[in-house]
Amino acid sequence: MNKSLDKYSLYITYDGLLDPLGHSQILPYIEGLSSSGYKIVLLSFEKTDRLEGSIKKLKFRLKSKNIEWFYFPFKRRKFGYFIRIFLVFYFIKFRQKYKDFTLFHTRGITTAIIYFICGFKCPLIYDIRAFAGEYIDCGRLNPKSIFAYFLKWFEKKLIKSSAGIVVLDESGEKYIKNKFKKIRTNIKIIPTCCDTQLFPIKDKISNSSFYRFVFLGGARFPYRPDLALILIKNLIKNNITCKIDFINERDQDLIKQNCEKLEIPEDFYNIFYLPQKEVISHLVNYDSGLIFNTAGYWRNKSCPTKLGEYLASGLHIIALSGINVIDNLSKKEPNVFNIFNESDFIKPINKNKLNEIERNIKNKKTSKNARRLAENYFDISRAHHLYNELYKELI
């Protein structure tokens, strides 16, 4: 056995493992690394309303895979971020001081500061799930605020200090290589992957003239459930009978408000939540998945989690333009995608564009081509290979 595998790696994420994102985009990668023999100490922040039974169940699951998991409470309060960072600092310095950490892996920028305040000297992996500029694109930060300037400065420091960097799309790699020409950091492109074999797929072709659409995940800006509802309204007016389901955990009241504001009859929409395991088996019931994310200079480099999941289920996809990975895939398989600009929703949507959606859904090749894209670009085996390769190079 490789001697390096006896060392511990510290993986820290600001996202909760019990959140949908944690189930789909953290646990599968960590468990993949553990199955390769790497010893992981995993730190996360969990929302305080999570059930104790769910926490115990996950602890047992991770312990059985030789992963040490410690979690910290996440509750919105004044100076909450700084309190959480201090708790992690104290935990690492005083309760984990006997462990020999040979790698520090931070998922995102918010937890990266721990590396510096704890004085780590081991290699650093900066796993960029979102560039710092996305906080500006999403309207969370004023671009001229002191914190925005600090965040952008800190990200430059992170990129220069990292031994390994993970980006979601080739556009992120291109940005780093153009902006930081002197760095020789190992960069891996690892999109939001999923285990495609877990997603059932069936022949979507039928003589039915009723179509089911799904909007999975967040509903607050930069996500645009309002535009999704405008699309549904236009389809119905164009005599294309359809219904949309919003699968969402925490923004259901906001979605309901949008439905009422746009006067969408209750018969044409559902709003409910499903655990990730049930989402995997449920997506096969739909004809088309919606990815309505407002883009921007930094958002362009993102990769929506639902993209791989929709494709793995063989769904046709309707999306807003401006996300590089979606724009590129839509050129490879135009029958799988219908792409809109936000400006298309200002006036009644062009009838030809609406009819094209129906044609693509009914296209016999759409479902198989979608699944093939998922297997080629988003299968979890690809992520496992690249993360293992990165760990092997740095430990």
Protein backbone atom coordinates (compact mmCIF):
# COMPACT_ATOMS: atom_id res chain seq x y z
CA MET A 1 0.00 0.00 0.00
CA ASN A 2 1.21 3.49 -0.87
CA LYS A 3 2.74 5.04 2.26
CA SER A 4 1.17 8.44 1.43
CA LEU A 5 -2.30 6.96 1.97
CA ASP A 6 -1.63 6.79 5.72
CA LYS A 7 -1.77 10.59 5.88
CA TYR A 8 -4.88 12.62 6.64
CA SER A 9 -6.49 15.10 4.26
CA LEU A 10 -8.69 17.87 5.66
CA TYR A 11 -11.74 18.67 3.53
CA ILE A 12 -13.85 21.64 4.54
CA THR A 13 -17.11 22.91 3.04
CA TYR A 14 -19.44 25.75 3.97
CA ASP A 15 -22.34 23.81 2.44
CA GLY A 16 -24.18 21.27 4.56
CA LEU A 17 -23.86 17.59 3.75
CA LEU A 18 -27.56 17.22 4.59
CA ASP A 19 -28.50 19.86 2.01
CA PRO A 20 -29.46 18.65 -1.49
CA LEU A 21 -26.17 20.08 -2.77
CA GLY A 22 -24.23 18.14 -0.14
CA HIS A 23 -25.90 14.87 -1.11
CA SER A 24 -25.22 15.35 -4.82
CA GLN A 25 -21.99 17.35 -5.00
CA ILE A 26 -19.91 16.60 -1.89
CA LEU A 27 -20.59 13.14 -0.48
CA PRO A 28 -20.05 11.20 -3.77
CA TYR A 29 -16.64 12.83 -4.29
CA ILE A 30 -15.49 12.34 -0.69
CA GLU A 31 -16.62 8.72 -0.65
CA GLY A 32 -14.80 8.17 -3.93
CA LEU A 33 -11.56 9.44 -2.42
CA SER A 34 -12.07 7.34 0.70
CA SER A 35 -12.64 4.20 -1.38
CA SER A 36 -9.24 4.85 -2.98
CA GLY A 37 -7.61 4.69 0.45
CA TYR A 38 -7.32 8.35 1.40
CA LYS A 39 -8.07 9.17 5.04
CA ILE A 40 -10.41 12.15 5.19
CA VAL A 41 -11.36 14.45 8.03
CA LEU A 42 -14.49 16.19 6.78
CA LEU A 43 -15.82 19.46 8.23
CA SER A 44 -19.17 20.99 7.26
CA PHE A 45 -21.80 23.46 8.46
CA GLU A 46 -25.28 22.04 8.97
CA LYS A 47 -28.51 23.99 9.35
CA THR A 48 -29.80 23.85 12.91
CA ASP A 49 -33.24 22.57 11.89
CA ARG A 50 -31.86 19.30 10.55
CA LEU A 51 -33.25 16.26 12.36
CA GLU A 52 -30.95 14.47 14.79
CA GLY A 53 -31.90 11.16 13.15
CA SER A 54 -30.60 12.37 9.78
CA ILE A 55 -27.32 13.43 11.37
CA LYS A 56 -26.84 10.09 13.16
CA LYS A 57 -27.63 8.18 9.98
CA LEU A 58 -25.07 10.17 7.98
CA LYS A 59 -22.45 9.82 10.73
CA PHE A 60 -22.86 6.05 10.62
CA ARG A 61 -22.63 6.02 6.82
CA LEU A 62 -19.42 8.07 6.79
CA LYS A 63 -17.83 6.17 9.67
CA SER A 64 -18.41 2.91 7.78
CA LYS A 65 -16.39 4.42 4.92
CA ASN A 66 -13.54 5.49 7.22
CA ILE A 67 -14.41 9.20 6.96
CA GLU A 68 -14.25 11.29 10.14
CA TRP A 69 -17.05 13.86 9.96
CA PHE A 70 -17.43 16.84 12.27
CA TYR A 71 -20.13 19.43 11.76
CA PHE A 72 -20.79 22.92 13.08
CA PRO A 73 -24.19 24.62 13.47
CA PHE A 74 -25.25 27.03 10.76
CA LYS A 75 -27.77 29.64 11.84
CA ARG A 76 -28.14 33.12 10.44
CA ARG A 77 -27.16 35.71 13.03
CA LYS A 78 -25.08 38.84 13.42
CA PHE A 79 -21.38 38.14 12.81
CA GLY A 80 -22.38 34.52 12.18
CA TYR A 81 -19.68 33.89 9.57
CA PHE A 82 -16.88 35.07 11.87
CA ILE A 83 -18.23 33.02 14.79
CA ARG A 84 -18.34 29.90 12.60
CA ILE A 85 -14.79 30.43 11.35
CA PHE A 86 -13.53 30.89 14.92
CA LEU A 87 -15.22 27.63 15.99
CA VAL A 88 -13.46 25.75 13.19
CA PHE A 89 -10.13 27.42 14.01
CA TYR A 90 -10.45 26.37 17.68
CA PHE A 91 -11.48 22.83 16.71
CA ILE A 92 -8.52 22.32 14.38
CA LYS A 93 -5.91 23.91 16.62
CA PHE A 94 -6.92 22.23 19.87
CA ARG A 95 -8.97 19.11 19.11
CA GLN A 96 -7.24 17.91 15.96
CA LYS A 97 -3.71 19.01 16.79
CA TYR A 98 -2.36 15.45 16.90
CA LYS A 99 -3.36 14.69 13.32
CA ASP A 100 -0.81 15.07 10.56
CA PHE A 101 -2.68 16.84 7.77
CA THR A 102 -0.80 16.54 4.51
CA LEU A 103 -3.46 18.19 2.35
CA PHE A 104 -6.02 20.97 2.87
CA HIS A 105 -9.00 20.87 0.49
CA THR A 106 -11.40 23.83 0.63
CA ARG A 107 -14.67 23.73 -1.28
CA GLY A 108 -15.15 27.38 -2.16
CA ILE A 109 -13.65 30.62 -0.94
CA THR A 110 -15.64 31.06 2.29
CA THR A 111 -13.76 28.35 4.19
CA ALA A 112 -10.36 28.94 2.59
CA ILE A 113 -9.34 31.51 5.21
CA ILE A 114 -9.00 28.64 7.71
CA TYR A 115 -5.89 27.48 5.83
CA PHE A 116 -4.12 30.76 6.55
CA ILE A 117 -5.28 31.52 10.09
CA CYS A 118 -4.38 27.98 11.21
CA GLY A 119 -0.93 28.36 9.66
CA PHE A 120 -1.11 25.24 7.47
CA LYS A 121 2.00 24.51 5.41
CA CYS A 122 0.67 21.47 3.53
CA PRO A 123 -0.49 21.70 -0.10
CA LEU A 124 -3.74 23.59 -0.63
CA ILE A 125 -6.52 22.60 -3.06
CA TYR A 126 -8.82 25.49 -3.96
CA ASP A 127 -11.98 23.85 -5.28
CA ILE A 128 -13.70 26.71 -7.10
CA ARG A 129 -17.39 25.89 -7.12
CA ALA A 130 -17.97 29.61 -7.76
CA PHE A 131 -15.50 32.41 -8.42
CA ALA A 132 -15.56 35.28 -5.94
CA GLY A 133 -17.04 37.54 -8.60
CA GLU A 134 -20.24 35.49 -8.57
CA TYR A 135 -21.19 37.21 -5.31
CA ILE A 136 -21.31 40.40 -7.37
CA ASP A 137 -23.09 38.79 -10.35
CA CYS A 138 -25.73 37.46 -7.96
CA GLY A 139 -26.29 40.84 -6.36
CA ARG A 140 -25.05 39.75 -2.93
CA LEU A 141 -22.23 42.29 -2.93
CA ASN A 142 -21.92 45.84 -4.18
CA PRO A 143 -19.02 45.72 -6.67
CA LYS A 144 -17.58 48.89 -5.08
CA SER A 145 -17.86 47.70 -1.48
CA ILE A 146 -14.79 47.07 0.67
CA PHE A 147 -15.79 43.43 1.13
CA ALA A 148 -16.03 42.93 -2.66
CA TYR A 149 -12.51 44.30 -3.09
CA PHE A 150 -11.25 42.11 -0.25
CA LEU A 151 -12.89 39.00 -1.67
CA LYS A 152 -11.35 39.51 -5.12
CA TRP A 153 -7.94 40.21 -3.55
CA PHE A 154 -8.21 37.13 -1.37
CA GLU A 155 -9.12 34.93 -4.32
CA LYS A 156 -6.01 36.10 -6.18
CA LYS A 157 -3.95 35.17 -3.11
CA LEU A 158 -5.67 31.77 -2.99
CA ILE A 159 -5.01 31.02 -6.64
CA LYS A 160 -1.35 31.95 -6.27
CA SER A 161 -1.01 29.92 -3.04
CA SER A 162 -2.75 26.76 -4.24
CA ALA A 163 -0.95 23.59 -5.25
CA GLY A 164 -4.10 22.38 -6.97
CA ILE A 165 -7.17 24.15 -8.36
CA VAL A 166 -10.50 22.68 -9.44
CA VAL A 167 -12.81 24.58 -11.81
CA LEU A 168 -16.22 23.64 -13.20
CA ASP A 169 -15.65 24.48 -16.85
CA GLU A 170 -12.90 25.13 -19.37
CA SER A 171 -13.80 28.85 -19.29
CA GLY A 172 -12.62 28.95 -15.66
CA GLU A 173 -9.32 27.32 -16.57
CA LYS A 174 -8.86 29.77 -19.46
CA TYR A 175 -9.49 32.73 -17.17
CA ILE A 176 -6.91 31.56 -14.61
CA LYS A 177 -4.25 30.83 -17.23
CA ASN A 178 -4.75 34.22 -18.89
CA LYS A 179 -4.90 36.19 -15.64
CA PHE A 180 -2.10 34.38 -13.79
CA LYS A 181 0.40 33.60 -16.53
CA LYS A 182 3.27 32.80 -14.16
CA ILE A 183 1.57 30.19 -11.98
CA ARG A 184 2.20 26.51 -12.63
CA THR A 185 -0.61 25.23 -10.45
CA ASN A 186 -2.24 21.93 -11.38
CA ILE A 187 -5.75 22.76 -12.68
CA LYS A 188 -8.47 20.13 -13.06
CA ILE A 189 -11.80 20.69 -14.82
CA ILE A 190 -14.42 18.79 -12.82
CA PRO A 191 -18.04 19.76 -13.57
CA THR A 192 -21.03 18.99 -11.36
CA CYS A 193 -21.14 15.22 -11.87
CA CYS A 194 -23.62 12.51 -10.92
CA ASP A 195 -23.79 8.73 -11.00
CA THR A 196 -25.59 8.40 -14.33
CA GLN A 197 -26.29 4.70 -13.76
CA LEU A 198 -28.59 5.56 -10.85
CA PHE A 199 -30.90 7.63 -13.05
CA PRO A 200 -33.62 5.62 -14.79
CA ILE A 201 -34.32 6.57 -18.38
CA LYS A 202 -37.27 5.56 -20.50
CA ASP A 203 -38.47 6.22 -24.02
CA LYS A 204 -39.96 9.70 -23.76
CA ILE A 205 -41.65 9.47 -27.15
CA SER A 206 -45.44 9.22 -26.97
CA ASN A 207 -48.49 10.47 -28.78
CA SER A 208 -49.48 12.54 -25.77
CA SER A 209 -49.92 16.27 -26.30
CA PHE A 210 -49.46 16.99 -22.57
CA TYR A 211 -45.95 17.89 -21.41
CA ARG A 212 -44.45 17.93 -17.92
CA PHE A 213 -41.71 20.42 -17.10
CA VAL A 214 -39.53 20.48 -13.98
CA PHE A 215 -37.66 23.32 -12.25
CA LEU A 216 -35.25 21.74 -9.77
CA GLY A 217 -33.45 23.55 -6.96
CA GLY A 218 -33.07 27.18 -5.85
CA ALA A 219 -35.61 29.88 -6.69
CA ARG A 220 -33.90 33.04 -5.46
CA PHE A 221 -31.84 35.27 -7.73
CA PRO A 222 -29.87 34.40 -9.87
CA TYR A 223 -32.45 31.62 -10.40
CA ARG A 224 -35.51 32.80 -12.32
CA PRO A 225 -38.73 30.91 -11.57
CA ASP A 226 -40.61 33.97 -12.80
CA LEU A 227 -39.28 33.51 -16.34
CA ALA A 228 -40.04 29.79 -16.17
CA LEU A 229 -43.66 30.63 -15.35
CA ILE A 230 -43.84 33.15 -18.18
CA LEU A 231 -42.67 30.39 -20.54
CA ILE A 232 -45.38 28.02 -19.28
CA LYS A 233 -47.97 30.77 -19.70
CA ASN A 234 -46.85 31.33 -23.31
CA LEU A 235 -46.90 27.60 -24.09
CA ILE A 236 -50.45 27.27 -22.78
CA LYS A 237 -51.57 30.30 -24.81
CA ASN A 238 -50.02 28.62 -27.85
CA ASN A 239 -52.24 25.55 -27.22
CA ILE A 240 -49.31 23.45 -25.95
CA THR A 241 -50.82 21.81 -22.87
CA CYS A 242 -48.33 21.51 -20.04
CA LYS A 243 -47.64 21.66 -16.33
CA ILE A 244 -44.56 22.60 -14.30
CA ASP A 245 -43.30 21.10 -11.04
CA PHE A 246 -40.99 23.07 -8.76
CA ILE A 247 -38.92 20.71 -6.60
CA ASN A 248 -37.59 22.99 -3.90
CA GLU A 249 -36.87 22.79 -0.19
CA ARG A 250 -36.71 26.33 1.20
CA ASP A 251 -38.11 28.81 -1.34
CA GLN A 252 -41.63 27.45 -1.76
CA ASP A 253 -43.36 30.63 -0.52
CA LEU A 254 -41.39 32.72 -3.01
CA ILE A 255 -42.37 30.43 -5.88
CA LYS A 256 -46.01 30.58 -4.80
CA GLN A 257 -45.84 34.39 -4.80
CA ASN A 258 -44.48 34.35 -8.36
CA CYS A 259 -47.31 32.06 -9.47
CA GLU A 260 -49.93 34.34 -7.96
CA LYS A 261 -48.31 37.48 -9.34
CA LEU A 262 -48.29 36.05 -12.86
CA GLU A 263 -51.82 34.66 -12.42
CA ILE A 264 -50.86 31.06 -13.15
CA PRO A 265 -53.85 28.78 -12.40
CA GLU A 266 -53.12 26.23 -9.67
CA ASP A 267 -53.88 23.37 -12.07
CA PHE A 268 -50.73 24.19 -14.04
CA TYR A 269 -48.09 23.96 -11.32
CA ASN A 270 -46.96 21.97 -8.27
CA ILE A 271 -44.49 22.98 -5.56
CA PHE A 272 -42.98 20.29 -3.36
CA TYR A 273 -39.73 18.89 -1.95
CA LEU A 274 -38.07 15.52 -2.49
CA PRO A 275 -34.88 14.14 -0.90
CA GLN A 276 -32.02 13.67 -3.38
CA LYS A 277 -32.50 9.89 -3.59
CA GLU A 278 -36.11 10.39 -4.62
CA VAL A 279 -35.22 13.13 -7.10
CA ILE A 280 -32.99 10.63 -8.91
CA SER A 281 -35.88 8.24 -9.52
CA HIS A 282 -38.49 10.96 -10.05
CA LEU A 283 -36.94 12.98 -12.90
CA VAL A 284 -37.79 10.28 -15.42
CA ASN A 285 -41.43 11.38 -15.15
CA TYR A 286 -40.74 14.65 -16.97
CA ASP A 287 -40.32 15.66 -20.59
CA SER A 288 -38.13 18.73 -20.10
CA GLY A 289 -35.99 20.28 -17.38
CA LEU A 290 -35.59 24.04 -16.96
CA ILE A 291 -32.31 25.80 -16.12
CA PHE A 292 -33.21 29.46 -15.78
CA ASN A 293 -30.11 31.04 -14.22
CA THR A 294 -29.24 34.66 -14.87
CA ALA A 295 -25.70 34.76 -16.28
CA GLY A 296 -22.91 37.30 -15.95
CA TYR A 297 -19.15 37.55 -16.46
CA TRP A 298 -18.47 35.20 -13.53
CA ARG A 299 -21.66 33.12 -13.71
CA ASN A 300 -20.63 32.24 -17.25
CA LYS A 301 -17.98 29.94 -15.73
CA SER A 302 -20.45 27.98 -13.58
CA CYS A 303 -22.03 24.56 -14.12
CA PRO A 304 -25.54 24.03 -12.69
CA THR A 305 -25.89 20.81 -10.70
CA LYS A 306 -29.24 20.05 -12.33
CA LEU A 307 -27.64 20.00 -15.81
CA GLY A 308 -26.02 16.58 -15.39
CA GLU A 309 -29.06 15.25 -13.53
CA TYR A 310 -31.51 16.29 -16.26
CA LEU A 311 -29.28 14.84 -18.98
CA ALA A 312 -28.78 11.58 -17.08
CA SER A 313 -32.57 11.19 -16.99
CA GLY A 314 -32.75 11.75 -20.75
CA LEU A 315 -34.62 15.03 -20.44
CA HIS A 316 -34.86 17.75 -23.03
CA ILE A 317 -33.53 21.03 -21.53
CA ILE A 318 -34.71 24.63 -21.79
CA ALA A 319 -32.14 27.11 -20.53
CA LEU A 320 -31.15 30.75 -20.50
CA SER A 321 -28.08 31.64 -22.55
CA GLY A 322 -24.84 32.82 -20.99
CA ILE A 323 -23.59 29.72 -19.14
CA ASN A 324 -20.60 28.55 -21.16
CA VAL A 325 -21.02 24.80 -20.61
CA ILE A 326 -24.71 24.91 -21.61
CA ASP A 327 -24.08 27.09 -24.66
CA ASN A 328 -21.36 24.72 -25.87
CA LEU A 329 -23.38 21.52 -25.32
CA SER A 330 -26.39 23.03 -27.07
CA LYS A 331 -24.25 23.41 -30.19
CA LYS A 332 -23.18 19.77 -30.01
CA GLU A 333 -26.73 18.46 -29.54
CA PRO A 334 -29.21 21.16 -30.66
CA ASN A 335 -32.20 18.81 -30.43
CA VAL A 336 -31.55 18.33 -26.68
CA PHE A 337 -31.61 22.05 -25.89
CA ASN A 338 -33.75 25.10 -26.49
CA ILE A 339 -31.87 28.24 -25.48
CA PHE A 340 -33.51 31.57 -24.68
CA ASN A 341 -32.23 35.06 -23.92
CA GLU A 342 -33.77 36.93 -21.01
CA SER A 343 -34.94 39.57 -23.50
CA ASP A 344 -37.17 36.92 -25.11
CA PHE A 345 -39.51 37.18 -22.12
CA ILE A 346 -40.20 40.90 -22.33
CA LYS A 347 -42.81 40.42 -25.06
CA PRO A 348 -44.92 37.37 -26.00
CA ILE A 349 -42.51 34.62 -26.98
CA ASN A 350 -42.15 33.92 -30.69
CA LYS A 351 -44.57 31.17 -31.74
CA ASN A 352 -41.91 29.38 -33.80
CA LYS A 353 -39.64 29.10 -30.73
CA LEU A 354 -42.47 27.59 -28.73
CA ASN A 355 -43.26 25.06 -31.44
CA GLU A 356 -39.57 24.17 -31.64
CA ILE A 357 -39.69 23.13 -27.97
CA GLU A 358 -42.47 20.67 -28.75
CA ARG A 359 -40.62 19.32 -31.80
CA ASN A 360 -37.45 18.71 -29.80
CA ILE A 361 -39.32 16.97 -26.98
CA LYS A 362 -40.94 14.65 -29.52
CA ASN A 363 -37.69 14.03 -31.40
CA LYS A 364 -36.83 10.32 -31.15
CA LYS A 365 -33.13 11.11 -30.67
CA THR A 366 -33.47 13.65 -27.85
CA SER A 367 -33.60 11.27 -24.88
CA LYS A 368 -30.72 9.05 -26.00
CA ASN A 369 -28.56 12.03 -27.00
CA ALA A 370 -29.18 13.65 -23.62
CA ARG A 371 -28.14 10.50 -21.77
CA ARG A 372 -25.03 10.20 -23.92
CA LEU A 373 -24.00 13.76 -23.04
CA ALA A 374 -24.41 12.92 -19.35
CA GLU A 375 -22.27 9.79 -19.62
CA ASN A 376 -19.55 11.59 -21.63
CA TYR A 377 -19.31 14.80 -19.60
CA PHE A 378 -20.97 14.40 -16.19
CA ASP A 379 -20.56 10.84 -14.98
CA ILE A 380 -19.21 10.51 -11.44
CA SER A 381 -16.44 8.19 -12.64
CA ARG A 382 -14.85 11.15 -14.38
CA ALA A 383 -14.82 13.18 -11.15
CA HIS A 384 -13.44 10.24 -9.16
CA HIS A 385 -10.59 9.79 -11.64
CA LEU A 386 -9.62 13.48 -11.67
CA TYR A 387 -9.82 13.98 -7.89
CA ASN A 388 -7.78 10.83 -7.30
CA GLU A 389 -5.25 12.03 -9.85
CA LEU A 390 -4.97 15.40 -8.09
CA TYR A 391 -4.60 13.88 -4.61
CA LYS A 392 -1.97 11.45 -5.87
CA GLU A 393 0.04 14.30 -7.38
CA LEU A 394 -0.03 16.42 -4.21
CA ILE A 395 0.34 13.95 -1.34
